[in-house]
Amino acid sequence: MLAIDPKAARSAWSRAIVYAATAVALLVIWVIRKTLLVFATALMVAYLLYPFVDAVDRRLSGKKRPIAAALPFLLLVGVLVVFGMATSSRISHEFSQLLGQVDSGSFGQQVSKWRVFGEPVGEKLLTWYNEEHVAVNISELRQTAGITGRYFLNLFIIPILSFLILKDGRQIRDAILDIFDGNGHAEGFLADAHKLLLEYMRSLLYLCLATLISFTIALNLMHVRYASLLGLIAFTLEFIPLAGPLTSAVIIIGFSEFNHYDHILWIVAFLLAYRLFQDYVLSPHLMRKGVKLDPLLILFGIFAGGEIGNVPGIFLSVPVLALMRLMFYELRKPRAGPRETTVSV
């Protein structure tokens, strides 16, 4: 009869339960990944507004957290209104010009003559997107419309979730620590993750604002058509790592070529110079070492994030990879007792 060591059997059974629970958790995460992406995006928006909320909360002595959490949203609406009033006339004029250009009877001829660095882009577009092609792919168009509708719905849901995270963040953090029963690794990881996400979102906002200002001024000085509108597009796309700046560069060059801009190489030189300045001067100055990742790892995260969650997945790829690396280094630290920290989520 085989002798079975009870201690070894219990250890093997415990490991099997852990592996099974991990597999089930990963399966559940995959099934609800779209919902998790919405909550993760709301968390990043909350971190973008956190410094202001924390400053207001300290002045209110921590007794009116809901008011402190609501103020940045009201302030953001006010800033958008002021910004819209200051730039609406120019952007509206450029947008009206663009619509007039599209509605003109010669638009099709302009598209057919459109070339980018000698490539007949316009002819290929007209060949690809003819009526027969659209009819064959009507199901894809419906699917795209459904995805767009879901994104617009999330635009209303995400601010609400961000407000709740800012209001109840401390209770959420305390509840997580209670689950781990004061584990030093969990407490250390939460504190370091909090600092990392704050640093990342603050730096990302500064980089996007630098892009908005630089592109708007430079493109206007070069007399590029739709300069302010293109600067606003570049600002929005800058929030998406790597893929966003590349897309904005393609849009700017494509628009300029389409409108027969005579000095396209000046635009290319500006885009290259600005990217070098941002990647090697501005970004390293703003982002601390813990946020910077290897370019190959960023590329992997972008492609993986795009497969999992489209644009939100790409947006979240860099902070998720940074958090995974932080967790890896945290688990390698020697175990210690709970450490005191004043950081609050």
Protein backbone atom coordinates (compact mmCIF):
# COMPACT_ATOMS: atom_id res chain seq x y z
CA MET A 1 0.00 0.00 0.00
CA LEU A 2 1.37 3.42 -0.95
CA ALA A 3 2.14 5.76 1.91
CA ILE A 4 0.86 9.32 1.41
CA ASP A 5 2.37 12.15 3.37
CA PRO A 6 -0.61 14.18 4.74
CA LYS A 7 1.45 17.38 4.82
CA ALA A 8 2.52 17.02 1.18
CA ALA A 9 -1.03 16.15 0.17
CA ARG A 10 -2.41 19.26 1.88
CA SER A 11 0.27 21.40 0.22
CA ALA A 12 -0.49 19.97 -3.23
CA TRP A 13 -4.24 20.42 -2.68
CA SER A 14 -3.72 24.05 -1.61
CA ARG A 15 -1.64 24.76 -4.72
CA ALA A 16 -4.28 23.14 -6.93
CA ILE A 17 -6.99 25.35 -5.38
CA VAL A 18 -4.85 28.45 -5.92
CA TYR A 19 -4.20 27.53 -9.57
CA ALA A 20 -7.87 26.78 -10.18
CA ALA A 21 -8.96 30.04 -8.53
CA THR A 22 -6.43 31.97 -10.62
CA ALA A 23 -7.69 30.34 -13.83
CA VAL A 24 -11.31 31.15 -12.93
CA ALA A 25 -10.37 34.76 -12.05
CA LEU A 26 -8.57 35.20 -15.40
CA LEU A 27 -11.58 33.77 -17.23
CA VAL A 28 -13.96 36.14 -15.42
CA ILE A 29 -11.65 39.10 -16.17
CA TRP A 30 -11.65 38.19 -19.86
CA VAL A 31 -15.44 37.88 -19.99
CA ILE A 32 -16.03 41.27 -18.32
CA ARG A 33 -13.01 43.00 -19.90
CA LYS A 34 -15.11 45.73 -21.56
CA THR A 35 -16.65 46.72 -18.23
CA LEU A 36 -13.24 46.65 -16.56
CA LEU A 37 -11.85 48.91 -19.29
CA VAL A 38 -14.56 51.49 -18.55
CA PHE A 39 -13.79 51.41 -14.82
CA ALA A 40 -10.03 51.55 -15.48
CA THR A 41 -10.48 54.59 -17.75
CA ALA A 42 -12.59 56.25 -15.05
CA LEU A 43 -9.80 55.51 -12.57
CA MET A 44 -7.23 57.23 -14.81
CA VAL A 45 -9.52 60.27 -15.18
CA ALA A 46 -9.88 60.33 -11.39
CA TYR A 47 -6.09 60.35 -11.03
CA LEU A 48 -5.93 63.23 -13.47
CA LEU A 49 -8.19 65.28 -11.18
CA TYR A 50 -6.92 63.90 -7.86
CA PRO A 51 -4.32 66.62 -7.00
CA PHE A 52 -6.97 69.33 -7.22
CA VAL A 53 -9.49 67.29 -5.20
CA ASP A 54 -6.89 66.52 -2.53
CA ALA A 55 -5.90 70.20 -2.20
CA VAL A 56 -9.54 71.30 -1.84
CA ASP A 57 -10.26 68.47 0.60
CA ARG A 58 -7.42 69.54 2.87
CA ARG A 59 -8.78 73.08 2.97
CA LEU A 60 -12.20 71.69 3.90
CA SER A 61 -10.58 69.62 6.68
CA GLY A 62 -11.70 66.37 5.03
CA LYS A 63 -15.32 66.81 6.16
CA LYS A 64 -16.87 67.54 2.76
CA ARG A 65 -15.22 65.06 0.39
CA PRO A 66 -18.22 64.95 -2.04
CA ILE A 67 -17.98 68.72 -2.55
CA ALA A 68 -14.22 68.47 -3.13
CA ALA A 69 -14.78 65.63 -5.62
CA ALA A 70 -17.45 67.56 -7.54
CA LEU A 71 -15.49 70.82 -7.84
CA PRO A 72 -12.97 69.67 -10.50
CA PHE A 73 -15.79 68.57 -12.80
CA LEU A 74 -17.48 71.94 -12.45
CA LEU A 75 -14.14 73.68 -12.99
CA LEU A 76 -13.43 71.48 -16.03
CA VAL A 77 -16.78 72.41 -17.55
CA GLY A 78 -15.98 76.08 -16.95
CA VAL A 79 -12.54 75.75 -18.55
CA LEU A 80 -14.04 74.00 -21.58
CA VAL A 81 -16.67 76.72 -21.90
CA VAL A 82 -14.04 79.50 -21.72
CA PHE A 83 -11.76 77.64 -24.12
CA GLY A 84 -14.68 77.07 -26.47
CA MET A 85 -15.66 80.73 -26.37
CA ALA A 86 -12.07 81.81 -27.03
CA THR A 87 -11.45 79.43 -29.93
CA SER A 88 -14.93 78.60 -31.19
CA SER A 89 -14.99 81.29 -33.88
CA ARG A 90 -11.73 80.15 -35.49
CA ILE A 91 -12.38 76.42 -35.14
CA SER A 92 -15.97 76.83 -36.32
CA HIS A 93 -14.74 78.81 -39.32
CA GLU A 94 -12.21 76.10 -40.19
CA PHE A 95 -14.80 73.34 -39.67
CA SER A 96 -17.28 75.21 -41.89
CA GLN A 97 -14.60 75.55 -44.55
CA LEU A 98 -13.95 71.81 -44.32
CA LEU A 99 -17.66 70.98 -44.67
CA GLY A 100 -17.94 73.40 -47.60
CA GLN A 101 -14.99 71.69 -49.24
CA VAL A 102 -16.61 68.28 -48.79
CA ASP A 103 -19.98 69.51 -50.11
CA SER A 104 -18.47 71.16 -53.17
CA GLY A 105 -19.12 69.51 -56.52
CA SER A 106 -15.39 69.20 -57.21
CA PHE A 107 -14.63 67.23 -54.05
CA GLY A 108 -14.55 63.91 -55.88
CA GLN A 109 -12.05 65.26 -58.38
CA GLN A 110 -9.92 66.62 -55.55
CA VAL A 111 -9.92 63.21 -53.87
CA SER A 112 -8.98 61.45 -57.13
CA LYS A 113 -5.98 63.80 -57.52
CA TRP A 114 -4.91 63.41 -53.89
CA ARG A 115 -1.32 62.18 -53.62
CA VAL A 116 0.85 61.74 -50.53
CA PHE A 117 4.58 61.79 -51.38
CA GLY A 118 3.73 60.73 -54.92
CA GLU A 119 1.42 57.85 -53.94
CA PRO A 120 -2.08 58.02 -55.53
CA VAL A 121 -3.93 57.76 -52.22
CA GLY A 122 -7.10 59.35 -53.60
CA GLU A 123 -7.49 56.88 -56.46
CA LYS A 124 -7.05 53.95 -54.09
CA LEU A 125 -9.65 55.35 -51.70
CA LEU A 126 -12.21 55.86 -54.46
CA THR A 127 -11.54 52.35 -55.75
CA TRP A 128 -11.85 50.79 -52.31
CA TYR A 129 -14.83 52.72 -50.95
CA ASN A 130 -17.22 52.50 -53.89
CA GLU A 131 -20.93 51.78 -53.51
CA GLU A 132 -20.54 48.07 -54.14
CA HIS A 133 -17.90 47.73 -51.43
CA VAL A 134 -20.04 49.62 -48.90
CA ALA A 135 -23.04 47.41 -49.69
CA VAL A 136 -21.01 44.23 -49.22
CA ASN A 137 -19.63 45.45 -45.87
CA ILE A 138 -22.85 46.94 -44.47
CA SER A 139 -22.63 44.59 -41.48
CA GLU A 140 -19.20 46.00 -40.63
CA LEU A 141 -20.60 49.52 -40.86
CA ARG A 142 -23.39 48.60 -38.45
CA GLN A 143 -20.90 47.08 -36.05
CA THR A 144 -18.78 50.24 -36.24
CA ALA A 145 -21.86 52.35 -35.53
CA GLY A 146 -22.63 50.18 -32.49
CA ILE A 147 -19.08 50.58 -31.15
CA THR A 148 -19.26 54.36 -31.69
CA GLY A 149 -22.58 54.50 -29.83
CA ARG A 150 -21.07 52.59 -26.90
CA TYR A 151 -18.15 55.05 -26.77
CA PHE A 152 -20.57 57.98 -26.59
CA LEU A 153 -22.45 56.23 -23.78
CA ASN A 154 -19.17 55.73 -21.91
CA LEU A 155 -18.49 59.48 -22.17
CA PHE A 156 -21.41 59.97 -19.78
CA ILE A 157 -20.64 56.98 -17.55
CA ILE A 158 -16.90 57.61 -17.04
CA PRO A 159 -17.25 61.04 -15.31
CA ILE A 160 -19.84 59.56 -12.92
CA LEU A 161 -17.53 56.67 -12.05
CA SER A 162 -14.58 59.05 -11.65
CA PHE A 163 -16.59 61.19 -9.22
CA LEU A 164 -17.47 58.09 -7.14
CA ILE A 165 -13.82 56.95 -7.12
CA LEU A 166 -12.64 60.38 -5.97
CA LYS A 167 -15.35 60.53 -3.30
CA ASP A 168 -14.92 57.00 -1.89
CA GLY A 169 -11.27 56.29 -2.81
CA ARG A 170 -10.04 56.13 0.78
CA GLN A 171 -12.73 53.65 1.79
CA ILE A 172 -11.91 51.52 -1.27
CA ARG A 173 -8.24 51.49 -0.33
CA ASP A 174 -8.98 50.56 3.28
CA ALA A 175 -11.30 47.75 2.12
CA ILE A 176 -8.57 46.31 -0.11
CA LEU A 177 -6.07 46.40 2.75
CA ASP A 178 -8.61 44.67 5.01
CA ILE A 179 -8.87 41.85 2.49
CA PHE A 180 -5.10 41.32 2.67
CA ASP A 181 -5.20 41.73 6.47
CA GLY A 182 -2.46 44.35 6.72
CA ASN A 183 -0.05 42.56 4.36
CA GLY A 184 3.07 44.71 3.93
CA HIS A 185 3.38 43.89 0.24
CA ALA A 186 -0.20 44.94 -0.50
CA GLU A 187 0.14 48.20 1.40
CA GLY A 188 3.47 48.98 -0.24
CA PHE A 189 2.17 48.15 -3.70
CA LEU A 190 -0.92 50.37 -3.29
CA ALA A 191 1.18 53.31 -2.11
CA ASP A 192 3.70 52.94 -4.95
CA ALA A 193 0.96 52.39 -7.54
CA HIS A 194 -0.81 55.52 -6.33
CA LYS A 195 2.32 57.62 -6.81
CA LEU A 196 3.05 56.05 -10.19
CA LEU A 197 -0.43 56.71 -11.62
CA LEU A 198 -0.43 60.27 -10.29
CA GLU A 199 2.94 60.90 -11.93
CA TYR A 200 1.89 59.30 -15.20
CA MET A 201 -1.41 61.18 -15.61
CA ARG A 202 0.11 64.52 -14.60
CA SER A 203 2.95 64.07 -17.09
CA LEU A 204 0.58 62.92 -19.82
CA LEU A 205 -1.59 66.02 -19.36
CA TYR A 206 1.44 68.32 -19.61
CA LEU A 207 2.64 66.53 -22.76
CA CYS A 208 -0.80 66.88 -24.37
CA LEU A 209 -1.00 70.58 -23.51
CA ALA A 210 2.50 71.10 -24.93
CA THR A 211 1.36 69.40 -28.13
CA LEU A 212 -1.76 71.58 -28.38
CA ILE A 213 0.18 74.82 -27.93
CA SER A 214 3.14 73.86 -30.13
CA PHE A 215 1.11 72.45 -33.01
CA THR A 216 -1.41 75.30 -33.06
CA ILE A 217 1.28 78.00 -33.07
CA ALA A 218 3.63 76.25 -35.53
CA LEU A 219 0.95 75.23 -38.04
CA ASN A 220 -0.58 78.72 -37.98
CA LEU A 221 2.84 80.31 -38.51
CA MET A 222 3.37 78.00 -41.50
CA HIS A 223 -0.09 79.01 -42.81
CA VAL A 224 -1.33 75.43 -42.87
CA ARG A 225 -5.04 75.20 -43.66
CA TYR A 226 -7.21 74.09 -40.68
CA ALA A 227 -4.21 74.70 -38.35
CA SER A 228 -6.25 75.17 -35.15
CA LEU A 229 -8.46 72.18 -35.91
CA LEU A 230 -5.41 70.00 -36.59
CA GLY A 231 -3.81 71.18 -33.32
CA LEU A 232 -6.93 70.16 -31.41
CA ILE A 233 -6.89 66.73 -33.10
CA ALA A 234 -3.21 66.29 -32.19
CA PHE A 235 -3.97 67.23 -28.55
CA THR A 236 -6.72 64.60 -28.34
CA LEU A 237 -4.67 61.84 -29.97
CA GLU A 238 -1.65 62.56 -27.76
CA PHE A 239 -3.42 60.75 -24.90
CA ILE A 240 -3.03 57.48 -26.84
CA PRO A 241 0.59 56.26 -26.48
CA LEU A 242 2.67 55.96 -29.65
CA ALA A 243 -0.27 55.22 -31.97
CA GLY A 244 -1.91 58.59 -31.25
CA PRO A 245 1.04 60.84 -32.24
CA LEU A 246 1.64 58.70 -35.34
CA THR A 247 -2.02 59.02 -36.35
CA SER A 248 -2.03 62.79 -35.82
CA ALA A 249 1.12 63.13 -37.96
CA VAL A 250 -0.51 61.13 -40.76
CA ILE A 251 -3.67 63.28 -40.54
CA ILE A 252 -1.71 66.55 -40.63
CA ILE A 253 0.43 65.49 -43.59
CA GLY A 254 -2.59 64.03 -45.38
CA PHE A 255 -4.67 67.20 -44.90
CA SER A 256 -1.79 69.37 -46.08
CA GLU A 257 -1.18 67.25 -49.18
CA PHE A 258 -4.90 67.20 -49.96
CA ASN A 259 -5.01 71.01 -49.85
CA HIS A 260 -1.88 71.27 -52.02
CA TYR A 261 0.34 72.83 -49.37
CA ASP A 262 3.58 73.90 -51.06
CA HIS A 263 6.03 73.33 -48.19
CA ILE A 264 5.11 69.85 -46.96
CA LEU A 265 8.74 69.09 -46.03
CA TRP A 266 8.62 71.94 -43.49
CA ILE A 267 5.69 70.20 -41.79
CA VAL A 268 7.55 66.87 -41.80
CA ALA A 269 10.64 68.57 -40.33
CA PHE A 270 8.55 70.21 -37.60
CA LEU A 271 6.84 66.91 -36.70
CA LEU A 272 10.17 65.09 -36.49
CA ALA A 273 11.83 67.88 -34.48
CA TYR A 274 8.91 68.08 -32.04
CA ARG A 275 8.82 64.30 -31.58
CA LEU A 276 12.55 64.21 -30.84
CA PHE A 277 12.19 67.11 -28.39
CA GLN A 278 9.26 65.47 -26.61
CA ASP A 279 10.69 61.94 -26.49
CA TYR A 280 14.25 62.85 -25.44
CA VAL A 281 13.86 66.15 -23.55
CA LEU A 282 10.33 66.87 -22.33
CA SER A 283 9.04 63.38 -21.58
CA PRO A 284 12.12 62.18 -19.61
CA HIS A 285 11.96 65.42 -17.59
CA LEU A 286 8.28 64.93 -16.71
CA MET A 287 8.03 61.18 -16.25
CA ARG A 288 9.96 59.53 -13.48
CA LYS A 289 12.01 56.41 -14.16
CA GLY A 290 9.35 54.00 -12.91
CA VAL A 291 6.92 55.04 -15.64
CA LYS A 292 9.34 54.74 -18.56
CA LEU A 293 9.16 51.42 -20.39
CA ASP A 294 11.18 49.75 -23.12
CA PRO A 295 9.85 50.69 -26.59
CA LEU A 296 9.40 47.01 -27.51
CA LEU A 297 7.33 46.48 -24.38
CA ILE A 298 5.23 49.54 -25.23
CA LEU A 299 4.63 48.19 -28.75
CA PHE A 300 3.54 44.85 -27.32
CA GLY A 301 1.20 46.60 -24.89
CA ILE A 302 -0.32 48.74 -27.65
CA PHE A 303 -1.06 45.77 -29.91
CA ALA A 304 -2.32 43.64 -27.03
CA GLY A 305 -4.43 46.51 -25.66
CA GLY A 306 -5.89 47.15 -29.10
CA GLU A 307 -6.89 43.50 -29.44
CA ILE A 308 -8.49 43.43 -25.99
CA GLY A 309 -10.21 46.80 -25.85
CA ASN A 310 -9.63 48.88 -29.01
CA VAL A 311 -8.83 52.56 -28.22
CA PRO A 312 -9.39 52.32 -24.41
CA GLY A 313 -7.12 49.26 -24.35
CA ILE A 314 -4.35 51.18 -26.14
CA PHE A 315 -4.79 54.15 -23.78
CA LEU A 316 -4.46 51.90 -20.72
CA SER A 317 -1.62 49.73 -22.06
CA VAL A 318 1.29 51.82 -20.71
CA PRO A 319 0.00 52.33 -17.13
CA VAL A 320 -1.05 48.66 -16.92
CA LEU A 321 2.41 47.49 -18.01
CA ALA A 322 4.03 49.92 -15.53
CA LEU A 323 1.83 48.56 -12.74
CA MET A 324 2.68 44.96 -13.69
CA ARG A 325 6.38 45.76 -13.50
CA LEU A 326 5.84 47.50 -10.17
CA MET A 327 3.99 44.43 -8.85
CA PHE A 328 6.83 42.17 -10.00
CA TYR A 329 9.43 44.22 -8.13
CA GLU A 330 7.16 44.49 -5.07
CA LEU A 331 6.79 40.71 -4.86
CA ARG A 332 10.56 40.31 -5.04
CA LYS A 333 11.07 42.49 -1.97
CA PRO A 334 11.69 40.72 1.35
CA ARG A 335 8.57 40.49 3.49
CA ALA A 336 8.20 43.15 6.15
CA GLY A 337 5.55 44.32 8.51
CA PRO A 338 2.95 46.93 7.60
CA ARG A 339 4.52 50.30 6.92
CA GLU A 340 2.97 53.60 7.79
CA THR A 341 1.87 55.74 4.86
CA THR A 342 -0.18 58.85 4.46
CA VAL A 343 -1.01 58.20 0.81
CA SER A 344 -4.72 57.98 0.09
CA VAL A 345 -6.43 56.94 -3.13
